[in-house]
């Protein structure tokens, strides 16, 4: 290989082309990474919204069940009172029946 006093024009074109493609590649990689970051952010935001809606639904269901439980407690107390009243009535009737039996036997 002989030494040239003038640089090879092909080398200059190749270096410029390589630099251009390197710049384009770096830009493409940066754009791709930004796009991927944007997609990840959108996914995370969507997942957050879904969880927020699920939480709201769960809270509403819990309130509904709490209201239902309160109604059942009130109904249970009413039924206990009714049961006590019926026990008293049954005891009174049993007493009347026992007295009538005693009068018939005597």
Protein backbone atom coordinates (compact mmCIF):
# COMPACT_ATOMS: atom_id res chain seq x y z
CA UNK A 1 0.00 0.00 0.00
CA UNK A 2 1.50 3.24 -1.08
CA UNK A 3 1.16 6.45 0.78
CA UNK A 4 -1.17 8.95 -0.88
CA UNK A 5 -0.88 12.65 -0.56
CA UNK A 6 -4.62 13.08 -1.18
CA UNK A 7 -7.14 11.27 1.02
CA UNK A 8 -9.30 8.62 -0.60
CA UNK A 9 -12.72 10.07 -1.52
CA UNK A 10 -14.46 6.75 -0.82
CA UNK A 11 -13.22 6.80 2.76
CA UNK A 12 -14.68 10.27 3.30
CA UNK A 13 -18.05 9.24 1.84
CA UNK A 14 -18.07 6.06 3.91
CA UNK A 15 -17.28 8.01 7.10
CA UNK A 16 -20.01 10.56 6.41
CA UNK A 17 -22.54 7.84 5.56
CA UNK A 18 -21.58 5.92 8.70
CA UNK A 19 -22.00 9.04 10.83
CA UNK A 20 -25.42 9.73 9.30
CA UNK A 21 -26.60 6.16 9.87
CA UNK A 22 -25.23 6.23 13.42
CA UNK A 23 -27.18 9.43 14.12
CA UNK A 24 -30.32 7.92 12.61
CA UNK A 25 -29.90 4.73 14.62
CA UNK A 26 -29.41 6.66 17.86
CA UNK A 27 -32.53 8.72 17.10
CA UNK A 28 -34.53 5.60 16.28
CA UNK A 29 -33.43 3.89 19.48
CA UNK A 30 -34.31 6.98 21.54
CA UNK A 31 -37.71 7.27 19.86
CA UNK A 32 -38.37 3.57 20.46
CA UNK A 33 -37.41 3.85 24.14
CA UNK A 34 -39.64 6.91 24.58
CA UNK A 35 -42.49 5.08 22.87
CA UNK A 36 -42.04 2.06 25.12
CA UNK A 37 -41.97 4.32 28.19
CA UNK A 38 -45.19 6.00 27.02
CA UNK A 39 -46.85 2.60 26.49
CA UNK A 40 -45.78 1.47 29.96
CA UNK A 41 -47.12 4.70 31.48
CA UNK A 42 -50.46 4.25 29.69
CA UNK A 43 -50.71 0.65 30.84
CA UNK A 44 -49.96 1.66 34.40
CA UNK A 45 -52.54 4.45 34.27
CA UNK A 46 -55.15 2.06 32.83
CA UNK A 47 -54.38 -0.54 35.52
CA UNK A 48 -54.67 2.17 38.16
CA UNK A 49 -58.07 3.21 36.81
CA UNK A 50 -59.26 -0.40 36.76
CA UNK A 51 -58.14 -0.91 40.35
CA UNK A 52 -59.82 2.35 41.36
CA UNK A 53 -63.12 1.20 39.83
CA UNK A 54 -62.80 -2.22 41.45
CA UNK A 55 -62.15 -0.58 44.81
CA UNK A 56 -65.18 1.69 44.38
CA UNK A 57 -67.33 -1.33 43.51
CA UNK A 58 -66.02 -3.27 46.51
CA UNK A 59 -66.69 -0.34 48.86
CA UNK A 60 -70.23 0.04 47.48
CA UNK A 61 -70.85 -3.70 47.91
CA UNK A 62 -69.52 -3.55 51.48
CA UNK A 63 -71.90 -0.69 52.27
CA UNK A 64 -74.79 -2.63 50.74
CA UNK A 65 -73.95 -5.71 52.81
CA UNK A 66 -73.60 -3.57 55.96
CA UNK A 67 -77.05 -2.07 55.35
CA UNK A 68 -78.48 -5.55 54.76
CA UNK A 69 -76.85 -6.83 57.97
CA UNK A 70 -78.35 -3.92 59.95
CA UNK A 71 -81.81 -4.76 58.59
CA UNK A 72 -81.30 -8.40 59.56
CA UNK A 73 -80.27 -7.39 63.08
CA UNK A 74 -83.42 -5.30 63.48
CA UNK A 75 -85.56 -8.14 62.11
CA UNK A 76 -83.82 -10.64 64.42
CA UNK A 77 -84.53 -8.46 67.46
CA UNK A 78 -88.18 -8.12 66.39
CA UNK A 79 -88.44 -11.90 66.03
CA UNK A 80 -86.85 -12.46 69.46
CA UNK A 81 -89.41 -10.14 71.05
CA UNK A 82 -92.23 -11.91 69.20
CA UNK A 83 -90.85 -15.28 70.34
CA UNK A 84 -90.78 -14.12 73.96
CA UNK A 85 -94.36 -12.85 73.71
CA UNK A 86 -95.51 -16.15 72.21
CA UNK A 87 -93.75 -18.09 74.97
CA UNK A 88 -95.62 -16.04 77.58
CA UNK A 89 -98.95 -16.62 75.81
CA UNK A 90 -98.22 -20.36 75.56
CA UNK A 91 -97.33 -20.49 79.29
CA UNK A 92 -100.57 -18.68 80.17
CA UNK A 93 -102.64 -21.07 78.04
CA UNK A 94 -100.83 -24.04 79.50
CA UNK A 95 -101.71 -22.70 82.96
CA UNK A 96 -105.36 -22.32 81.97
CA UNK A 97 -105.42 -25.86 80.55
CA UNK A 98 -103.82 -27.27 83.71
CA UNK A 99 -106.37 -25.46 85.92
CA UNK A 100 -109.24 -26.77 83.75
CA UNK A 101 -107.87 -30.32 84.01
CA UNK A 102 -107.63 -29.90 87.78
CA UNK A 103 -111.23 -28.71 87.96
CA UNK A 104 -112.45 -31.61 85.81
CA UNK A 105 -110.56 -34.17 87.89
CA UNK A 106 -111.96 -32.81 91.13
